[in-house]
Amino acid sequence: MAAEKKNELTYEQAMDELEKIISDMESGRLPLEKSIEAFERGSALVKYCRGKLDVYTKKLDEITGAGSSGDAAGGAFADDEIDGDDEEDSENE
């Protein structure tokens, strides 16, 4: 299993490969068979990148406490903790 992780592409590597495939296909210099192979590989890379983005999005949601609405209501700091207004207000009363 550790060998599989070593051979796994990073998101950036997958995107670089995908960009090269797109460039090669757009050039029109690939023979038909190679174009089909490139399209298949490109499709697999798109799926892989989407999966990685889904994982990273979920991690960020966990970190920020964002729910399905994208609201970070469960974040680490409440608004009054950030601006410090509550301390000053309670001292002045």
Protein backbone atom coordinates (compact mmCIF):
# COMPACT_ATOMS: atom_id res chain seq x y z
CA MET A 1 0.00 0.00 0.00
CA ALA A 2 2.90 2.39 0.74
CA ALA A 3 4.17 1.85 -2.80
CA GLU A 4 0.79 2.91 -4.15
CA LYS A 5 0.98 6.21 -2.23
CA LYS A 6 4.49 6.91 -3.60
CA ASN A 7 3.30 6.42 -7.17
CA GLU A 8 0.17 8.52 -6.70
CA LEU A 9 0.22 11.83 -8.54
CA THR A 10 -0.17 15.06 -6.67
CA TYR A 11 -2.98 17.34 -7.78
CA GLU A 12 -0.42 19.66 -9.37
CA GLN A 13 1.27 16.83 -11.26
CA ALA A 14 -2.07 15.62 -12.58
CA MET A 15 -3.01 19.14 -13.69
CA ASP A 16 0.36 19.59 -15.44
CA GLU A 17 -0.12 16.32 -17.30
CA LEU A 18 -3.68 17.28 -18.22
CA GLU A 19 -2.52 20.66 -19.57
CA LYS A 20 0.09 18.91 -21.72
CA ILE A 21 -2.50 16.48 -23.06
CA ILE A 22 -4.83 19.34 -23.93
CA SER A 23 -2.02 21.21 -25.66
CA ASP A 24 -1.02 18.12 -27.64
CA MET A 25 -4.60 17.44 -28.70
CA GLU A 26 -5.26 21.05 -29.66
CA SER A 27 -2.14 21.11 -31.82
CA GLY A 28 -3.76 18.59 -34.16
CA ARG A 29 -0.50 16.73 -34.61
CA LEU A 30 -1.55 13.55 -32.80
CA PRO A 31 -2.71 10.63 -34.92
CA LEU A 32 -6.26 9.47 -34.28
CA GLU A 33 -5.28 6.48 -32.14
CA LYS A 34 -2.99 8.62 -29.96
CA SER A 35 -5.74 11.25 -29.68
CA ILE A 36 -8.16 8.63 -28.35
CA GLU A 37 -5.55 7.42 -25.84
CA ALA A 38 -4.85 10.99 -24.78
CA PHE A 39 -8.57 11.67 -24.40
CA GLU A 40 -8.96 8.59 -22.19
CA ARG A 41 -5.99 9.61 -20.04
CA GLY A 42 -7.26 13.18 -19.85
CA SER A 43 -10.69 11.99 -18.74
CA ALA A 44 -9.11 9.88 -16.01
CA LEU A 45 -7.02 12.85 -14.87
CA VAL A 46 -10.08 15.10 -14.71
CA LYS A 47 -11.87 12.53 -12.55
CA TYR A 48 -8.79 12.19 -10.33
CA CYS A 49 -8.46 15.97 -9.89
CA ARG A 50 -12.15 16.36 -9.07
CA GLY A 51 -11.81 13.65 -6.44
CA LYS A 52 -8.77 15.38 -4.93
CA LEU A 53 -10.62 18.71 -4.88
CA ASP A 54 -13.59 17.08 -3.15
CA VAL A 55 -11.30 15.69 -0.45
CA TYR A 56 -9.55 19.04 0.02
CA THR A 57 -12.86 20.90 0.12
CA LYS A 58 -14.15 18.59 2.86
CA LYS A 59 -10.94 19.10 4.83
CA LEU A 60 -11.27 22.87 4.55
CA ASP A 61 -14.91 22.66 5.60
CA GLU A 62 -13.86 20.68 8.68
CA ILE A 63 -11.13 23.19 9.52
CA THR A 64 -13.32 26.25 9.08
CA GLY A 65 -16.47 24.63 10.42
CA ALA A 66 -18.32 25.52 7.23
CA GLY A 67 -21.56 23.65 6.72
CA SER A 68 -23.27 22.76 3.50
CA SER A 69 -24.32 26.39 3.11
CA GLY A 70 -20.70 27.46 3.13
CA ASP A 71 -21.26 29.42 6.34
CA ALA A 72 -18.37 29.32 8.77
CA ALA A 73 -20.64 29.70 11.80
CA GLY A 74 -18.76 27.05 13.70
CA GLY A 75 -15.42 28.77 13.12
CA ALA A 76 -12.69 29.02 15.71
CA PHE A 77 -13.44 32.63 16.69
CA ALA A 78 -16.66 34.49 17.29
CA ASP A 79 -16.92 38.00 15.83
CA ASP A 80 -16.55 39.61 19.25
CA GLU A 81 -13.35 37.68 19.94
CA ILE A 82 -11.76 39.07 16.80
CA ASP A 83 -12.47 42.76 17.28
CA GLY A 84 -12.33 42.78 21.09
CA ASP A 85 -15.31 45.16 21.42
CA ASP A 86 -16.98 43.17 24.21
CA GLU A 87 -14.17 43.75 26.69
CA GLU A 88 -14.19 47.50 26.17
CA ASP A 89 -18.00 47.67 26.31
CA SER A 90 -18.20 45.74 29.59
CA GLU A 91 -15.52 47.95 31.19
CA ASN A 92 -17.32 51.15 30.20
CA GLU A 93 -20.67 50.07 31.65
